N, C-alpha and C. Protein backbone atom coordinates (compact mmCIF):
# COMPACT_ATOMS: atom_id res chain seq x y z
N UNK A 1 99.38 99.86 53.44
CA UNK A 1 98.27 100.49 54.10
C UNK A 1 98.05 99.80 55.43
N UNK A 2 97.86 100.58 56.44
CA UNK A 2 97.60 100.01 57.76
C UNK A 2 96.14 100.23 58.12
N UNK A 3 95.56 99.25 58.75
CA UNK A 3 94.17 99.37 59.15
C UNK A 3 94.12 99.99 60.53
N UNK A 4 93.27 100.99 60.68
CA UNK A 4 93.16 101.70 61.95
C UNK A 4 92.22 101.01 62.91
N UNK A 5 91.27 100.29 62.40
CA UNK A 5 90.30 99.62 63.26
C UNK A 5 89.95 98.28 62.66
N UNK A 6 89.84 97.30 63.50
CA UNK A 6 89.48 95.96 63.02
C UNK A 6 88.11 96.02 62.38
N UNK A 7 87.95 95.47 61.19
CA UNK A 7 86.66 95.55 60.52
C UNK A 7 85.54 94.84 61.27
N UNK A 8 85.86 93.96 62.21
CA UNK A 8 84.83 93.24 62.95
C UNK A 8 84.43 93.93 64.25
N UNK A 9 84.98 95.10 64.52
CA UNK A 9 84.59 95.88 65.68
C UNK A 9 83.08 96.12 65.56
N UNK A 10 82.28 95.65 66.52
CA UNK A 10 80.82 95.75 66.37
C UNK A 10 80.32 97.18 66.23
N UNK A 11 80.99 98.15 66.84
CA UNK A 11 80.54 99.53 66.72
C UNK A 11 80.89 100.12 65.36
N UNK A 12 81.86 99.53 64.68
CA UNK A 12 82.23 100.02 63.35
C UNK A 12 81.62 99.17 62.25
N UNK A 13 80.70 98.30 62.60
CA UNK A 13 80.06 97.45 61.61
C UNK A 13 79.55 98.31 60.46
N UNK A 14 79.95 97.96 59.25
CA UNK A 14 79.56 98.74 58.08
C UNK A 14 80.57 99.80 57.70
N UNK A 15 81.64 99.97 58.50
CA UNK A 15 82.65 100.98 58.21
C UNK A 15 84.04 100.35 58.14
N UNK A 16 84.84 100.86 57.23
CA UNK A 16 86.24 100.48 57.13
C UNK A 16 87.06 101.76 57.24
N UNK A 17 88.04 101.77 58.13
CA UNK A 17 88.90 102.94 58.31
C UNK A 17 90.34 102.48 58.15
N UNK A 18 91.03 103.07 57.18
CA UNK A 18 92.42 102.70 56.92
C UNK A 18 93.28 103.95 56.79
N UNK A 19 94.56 103.78 57.13
CA UNK A 19 95.53 104.87 56.98
C UNK A 19 96.66 104.39 56.08
N UNK A 20 96.97 105.17 55.05
CA UNK A 20 98.07 104.85 54.16
C UNK A 20 99.29 105.67 54.60
N UNK A 21 100.30 104.99 55.13
CA UNK A 21 101.47 105.68 55.66
C UNK A 21 102.24 106.43 54.58
N UNK A 22 102.30 105.90 53.38
CA UNK A 22 103.08 106.53 52.31
C UNK A 22 102.49 107.90 51.93
N UNK A 23 101.19 107.98 51.78
CA UNK A 23 100.56 109.24 51.39
C UNK A 23 100.07 110.05 52.59
N UNK A 24 99.97 109.39 53.74
CA UNK A 24 99.39 109.96 54.97
C UNK A 24 97.91 110.27 54.79
N UNK A 25 97.26 109.57 53.85
CA UNK A 25 95.83 109.71 53.63
C UNK A 25 95.09 108.74 54.54
N UNK A 26 93.90 109.14 54.95
CA UNK A 26 92.98 108.28 55.69
C UNK A 26 91.83 107.94 54.73
N UNK A 27 91.49 106.66 54.67
CA UNK A 27 90.41 106.19 53.81
C UNK A 27 89.28 105.63 54.67
N UNK A 28 88.08 106.09 54.41
CA UNK A 28 86.90 105.61 55.13
C UNK A 28 85.88 105.16 54.09
N UNK A 29 85.35 103.98 54.28
CA UNK A 29 84.29 103.48 53.40
C UNK A 29 83.21 102.86 54.27
N UNK A 30 82.01 102.95 53.81
CA UNK A 30 80.92 102.39 54.58
C UNK A 30 79.80 101.90 53.70
N UNK A 31 78.87 101.24 54.35
CA UNK A 31 77.69 100.77 53.63
C UNK A 31 76.51 100.71 54.58
N UNK A 32 75.34 100.87 54.01
CA UNK A 32 74.13 100.74 54.80
C UNK A 32 73.69 102.03 55.46
N UNK A 33 72.87 101.86 56.46
CA UNK A 33 72.28 102.96 57.21
C UNK A 33 73.04 103.09 58.52
N UNK A 34 73.87 104.11 58.65
CA UNK A 34 74.74 104.25 59.83
C UNK A 34 73.97 104.85 61.00
N UNK A 35 74.25 104.31 62.18
CA UNK A 35 73.61 104.74 63.41
C UNK A 35 74.51 105.72 64.16
N UNK A 36 73.94 106.41 65.13
CA UNK A 36 74.68 107.37 65.96
C UNK A 36 75.91 106.71 66.58
N UNK A 37 75.74 105.49 67.10
CA UNK A 37 76.85 104.80 67.77
C UNK A 37 78.01 104.52 66.80
N UNK A 38 77.69 104.27 65.54
CA UNK A 38 78.74 104.05 64.56
C UNK A 38 79.52 105.33 64.29
N UNK A 39 78.82 106.47 64.25
CA UNK A 39 79.53 107.73 64.08
C UNK A 39 80.41 108.03 65.28
N UNK A 40 79.93 107.74 66.49
CA UNK A 40 80.75 107.94 67.68
C UNK A 40 82.02 107.10 67.60
N UNK A 41 81.88 105.82 67.25
CA UNK A 41 83.05 104.93 67.14
C UNK A 41 83.97 105.39 66.03
N UNK A 42 83.40 105.82 64.90
CA UNK A 42 84.22 106.29 63.79
C UNK A 42 85.03 107.52 64.19
N UNK A 43 84.38 108.50 64.82
CA UNK A 43 85.12 109.71 65.19
C UNK A 43 86.16 109.44 66.27
N UNK A 44 85.93 108.47 67.15
CA UNK A 44 86.95 108.10 68.14
C UNK A 44 88.18 107.54 67.43
N UNK A 45 87.97 106.65 66.48
CA UNK A 45 89.08 106.04 65.74
C UNK A 45 89.75 107.04 64.82
N UNK A 46 88.96 107.76 64.04
CA UNK A 46 89.51 108.74 63.10
C UNK A 46 90.19 109.88 63.86
N UNK A 47 89.65 110.23 65.01
CA UNK A 47 90.25 111.31 65.80
C UNK A 47 91.70 111.04 66.15
N UNK A 48 92.02 109.81 66.52
CA UNK A 48 93.42 109.46 66.82
C UNK A 48 94.29 109.65 65.58
N UNK A 49 93.81 109.21 64.43
CA UNK A 49 94.56 109.37 63.18
C UNK A 49 94.71 110.83 62.79
N UNK A 50 93.65 111.60 62.94
CA UNK A 50 93.68 113.02 62.59
C UNK A 50 94.68 113.77 63.46
N UNK A 51 94.66 113.50 64.76
CA UNK A 51 95.61 114.18 65.65
C UNK A 51 97.05 113.82 65.29
N UNK A 52 97.29 112.56 64.93
CA UNK A 52 98.64 112.15 64.51
C UNK A 52 99.04 112.86 63.22
N UNK A 53 98.14 112.97 62.26
CA UNK A 53 98.43 113.69 61.01
C UNK A 53 98.71 115.16 61.29
N UNK A 54 97.94 115.78 62.17
CA UNK A 54 98.19 117.18 62.51
C UNK A 54 99.57 117.35 63.13
N UNK A 55 99.98 116.42 63.98
CA UNK A 55 101.31 116.50 64.59
C UNK A 55 102.41 116.34 63.54
N UNK A 56 102.22 115.40 62.59
CA UNK A 56 103.24 115.14 61.58
C UNK A 56 103.36 116.26 60.55
N UNK A 57 102.24 116.68 60.02
CA UNK A 57 102.31 117.59 58.86
C UNK A 57 101.46 118.84 59.00
N UNK A 58 100.66 118.91 60.04
CA UNK A 58 99.79 120.06 60.21
C UNK A 58 98.55 120.04 59.34
N UNK A 59 98.34 118.93 58.61
CA UNK A 59 97.17 118.84 57.74
C UNK A 59 96.64 117.42 57.71
N UNK A 60 95.39 117.31 57.29
CA UNK A 60 94.72 116.02 57.20
C UNK A 60 94.15 115.87 55.80
N UNK A 61 94.29 114.67 55.25
CA UNK A 61 93.70 114.34 53.95
C UNK A 61 92.90 113.05 54.13
N UNK A 62 91.59 113.14 53.92
CA UNK A 62 90.71 111.99 54.11
C UNK A 62 89.85 111.79 52.86
N UNK A 63 89.76 110.54 52.45
CA UNK A 63 88.85 110.17 51.37
C UNK A 63 87.75 109.30 51.96
N UNK A 64 86.50 109.75 51.83
CA UNK A 64 85.35 109.00 52.32
C UNK A 64 84.57 108.49 51.11
N UNK A 65 84.44 107.18 51.02
CA UNK A 65 83.64 106.59 49.95
C UNK A 65 82.23 106.38 50.50
N UNK A 66 81.35 107.28 50.15
CA UNK A 66 80.00 107.32 50.69
C UNK A 66 78.97 106.72 49.72
N UNK A 67 79.45 106.08 48.65
CA UNK A 67 78.52 105.60 47.62
C UNK A 67 77.55 104.54 48.12
N UNK A 68 77.95 103.74 49.10
CA UNK A 68 77.08 102.67 49.58
C UNK A 68 76.44 102.98 50.93
N UNK A 69 76.57 104.21 51.38
CA UNK A 69 75.95 104.62 52.64
C UNK A 69 74.61 105.28 52.32
N UNK A 70 73.58 104.86 53.02
CA UNK A 70 72.25 105.43 52.82
C UNK A 70 72.14 106.76 53.55
N UNK A 71 71.07 107.47 53.33
CA UNK A 71 70.85 108.73 54.04
C UNK A 71 70.88 108.51 55.55
N UNK A 72 71.24 109.56 56.28
CA UNK A 72 71.37 109.47 57.73
C UNK A 72 70.09 109.95 58.41
N UNK A 73 69.79 109.33 59.55
CA UNK A 73 68.69 109.82 60.37
C UNK A 73 69.05 111.23 60.85
N UNK A 74 68.09 112.03 61.27
CA UNK A 74 68.43 113.37 61.79
C UNK A 74 69.42 113.32 62.96
N UNK A 75 69.28 112.31 63.84
CA UNK A 75 70.21 112.19 64.98
C UNK A 75 71.62 111.84 64.51
N UNK A 76 71.73 110.90 63.58
CA UNK A 76 73.04 110.52 63.07
C UNK A 76 73.66 111.66 62.27
N UNK A 77 72.85 112.37 61.51
CA UNK A 77 73.35 113.51 60.73
C UNK A 77 73.90 114.59 61.66
N UNK A 78 73.22 114.84 62.76
CA UNK A 78 73.70 115.83 63.72
C UNK A 78 75.02 115.38 64.35
N UNK A 79 75.13 114.09 64.65
CA UNK A 79 76.38 113.58 65.22
C UNK A 79 77.52 113.72 64.21
N UNK A 80 77.24 113.47 62.94
CA UNK A 80 78.24 113.67 61.88
C UNK A 80 78.67 115.12 61.82
N UNK A 81 77.73 116.03 61.84
CA UNK A 81 78.04 117.46 61.78
C UNK A 81 78.90 117.89 62.97
N UNK A 82 78.50 117.51 64.18
CA UNK A 82 79.26 117.91 65.38
C UNK A 82 80.64 117.29 65.39
N UNK A 83 80.73 116.00 65.01
CA UNK A 83 82.04 115.35 64.98
C UNK A 83 82.98 116.01 64.00
N UNK A 84 82.48 116.33 62.82
CA UNK A 84 83.31 116.97 61.80
C UNK A 84 83.76 118.36 62.26
N UNK A 85 82.86 119.12 62.85
CA UNK A 85 83.22 120.46 63.31
C UNK A 85 84.27 120.43 64.41
N UNK A 86 84.23 119.41 65.26
CA UNK A 86 85.17 119.36 66.38
C UNK A 86 86.54 118.81 65.98
N UNK A 87 86.62 118.11 64.89
CA UNK A 87 87.84 117.38 64.55
C UNK A 87 88.72 118.07 63.52
N UNK A 88 88.12 118.68 62.54
CA UNK A 88 88.89 119.19 61.41
C UNK A 88 89.17 120.68 61.55
N UNK A 89 90.30 121.09 60.96
CA UNK A 89 90.77 122.48 61.04
C UNK A 89 90.87 123.06 59.63
N UNK A 90 90.95 124.38 59.56
CA UNK A 90 91.20 125.02 58.27
C UNK A 90 92.46 124.42 57.66
N UNK A 91 92.43 124.15 56.39
CA UNK A 91 93.57 123.54 55.71
C UNK A 91 93.44 122.03 55.57
N UNK A 92 92.59 121.41 56.38
CA UNK A 92 92.32 119.98 56.21
C UNK A 92 91.45 119.80 54.98
N UNK A 93 91.55 118.63 54.37
CA UNK A 93 90.73 118.33 53.20
C UNK A 93 90.09 116.97 53.37
N UNK A 94 88.77 116.96 53.30
CA UNK A 94 88.01 115.73 53.39
C UNK A 94 87.18 115.64 52.11
N UNK A 95 87.52 114.67 51.27
CA UNK A 95 86.84 114.46 49.99
C UNK A 95 85.85 113.32 50.18
N UNK A 96 84.61 113.56 49.78
CA UNK A 96 83.56 112.56 49.96
C UNK A 96 83.00 112.19 48.59
N UNK A 97 83.09 110.90 48.27
CA UNK A 97 82.51 110.41 47.03
C UNK A 97 81.05 110.07 47.32
N UNK A 98 80.16 110.72 46.60
CA UNK A 98 78.73 110.49 46.82
C UNK A 98 78.03 110.60 45.47
N UNK A 99 77.20 109.62 45.18
CA UNK A 99 76.50 109.59 43.89
C UNK A 99 75.06 110.06 43.99
N UNK A 100 74.41 109.81 45.09
CA UNK A 100 73.00 110.14 45.26
C UNK A 100 72.81 111.65 45.40
N UNK A 101 71.91 112.21 44.62
CA UNK A 101 71.61 113.64 44.72
C UNK A 101 71.03 113.98 46.08
N UNK A 102 70.22 113.10 46.63
CA UNK A 102 69.62 113.34 47.95
C UNK A 102 70.69 113.33 49.05
N UNK A 103 71.60 112.36 48.99
CA UNK A 103 72.70 112.31 49.96
C UNK A 103 73.60 113.52 49.81
N UNK A 104 73.85 113.93 48.59
CA UNK A 104 74.68 115.11 48.33
C UNK A 104 74.04 116.35 48.97
N UNK A 105 72.73 116.50 48.82
CA UNK A 105 72.02 117.62 49.40
C UNK A 105 72.12 117.60 50.94
N UNK A 106 71.97 116.41 51.54
CA UNK A 106 72.06 116.30 52.99
C UNK A 106 73.46 116.66 53.47
N UNK A 107 74.47 116.15 52.80
CA UNK A 107 75.84 116.42 53.23
C UNK A 107 76.22 117.89 53.06
N UNK A 108 75.75 118.52 52.03
CA UNK A 108 76.05 119.95 51.83
C UNK A 108 75.53 120.78 53.00
N UNK A 109 74.38 120.39 53.55
CA UNK A 109 73.81 121.12 54.69
C UNK A 109 74.60 120.87 55.97
N UNK A 110 75.25 119.72 56.07
CA UNK A 110 75.89 119.32 57.32
C UNK A 110 77.35 119.75 57.45
N UNK A 111 78.08 119.79 56.35
CA UNK A 111 79.54 119.87 56.42
C UNK A 111 80.07 121.24 56.02
N UNK A 112 81.23 121.56 56.56
CA UNK A 112 81.89 122.84 56.33
C UNK A 112 82.55 122.84 54.95
N UNK A 113 82.15 123.74 54.05
CA UNK A 113 82.73 123.75 52.71
C UNK A 113 84.20 124.16 52.68
N UNK A 114 84.71 124.70 53.77
CA UNK A 114 86.15 125.03 53.81
C UNK A 114 87.01 123.77 53.91
N UNK A 115 86.46 122.71 54.48
CA UNK A 115 87.24 121.49 54.68
C UNK A 115 86.71 120.30 53.89
N UNK A 116 85.46 120.32 53.52
CA UNK A 116 84.81 119.18 52.87
C UNK A 116 84.39 119.52 51.44
N UNK A 117 84.64 118.57 50.54
CA UNK A 117 84.16 118.70 49.16
C UNK A 117 83.52 117.38 48.74
N UNK A 118 82.50 117.47 47.92
CA UNK A 118 81.80 116.30 47.42
C UNK A 118 82.22 116.02 45.98
N UNK A 119 82.41 114.74 45.67
CA UNK A 119 82.86 114.33 44.34
C UNK A 119 82.03 113.14 43.87
N UNK A 120 81.96 113.00 42.55
CA UNK A 120 81.27 111.85 41.98
C UNK A 120 82.24 110.72 41.65
N UNK A 121 83.54 111.03 41.51
CA UNK A 121 84.51 109.99 41.17
C UNK A 121 85.67 109.99 42.14
N UNK A 122 86.23 108.80 42.32
CA UNK A 122 87.40 108.63 43.19
C UNK A 122 88.61 109.40 42.63
N UNK A 123 88.78 109.36 41.32
CA UNK A 123 89.93 110.04 40.70
C UNK A 123 89.91 111.53 40.99
N UNK A 124 88.75 112.18 40.83
CA UNK A 124 88.66 113.60 41.12
C UNK A 124 88.88 113.92 42.59
N UNK A 125 88.36 113.05 43.45
CA UNK A 125 88.55 113.26 44.90
C UNK A 125 90.01 113.17 45.28
N UNK A 126 90.71 112.16 44.78
CA UNK A 126 92.13 111.97 45.11
C UNK A 126 92.96 113.12 44.53
N UNK A 127 92.62 113.58 43.32
CA UNK A 127 93.36 114.69 42.73
C UNK A 127 93.25 115.94 43.60
N UNK A 128 92.06 116.21 44.15
CA UNK A 128 91.88 117.37 45.03
C UNK A 128 92.66 117.19 46.33
N UNK A 129 92.63 115.97 46.89
CA UNK A 129 93.37 115.72 48.13
C UNK A 129 94.87 115.90 47.95
N UNK A 130 95.37 115.55 46.78
CA UNK A 130 96.81 115.58 46.52
C UNK A 130 97.35 117.00 46.29
N UNK A 131 96.48 117.97 46.11
CA UNK A 131 96.93 119.35 45.87
C UNK A 131 97.59 119.94 47.09
């Protein structure tokens, strides 16, 4: 697994972004209350990986572990929505592990159901990505 961004990058504080070359999956994990600037830094880093995946295979597979991320402010939620809409294409799959019912409700309002699915377990998320 290769790391896409140094974990000590101050703008990515609270986020880990990794790319697994064997599966061509991108893994994102975070914790805490994410700010607008963190979403900007995340989409800049993930954007490079997504474009590379699109060039290689025409598709993107991302697993986001959202279990330790708190709800987003309205500004951060809007940045998440806009970033996701601008980056992902039909046929991409972004699996998000989320346990909180409130976070699940927020994410359902923000994300495109054609590309994003919410899961309670890592195993189910990975199984969907692998299809």
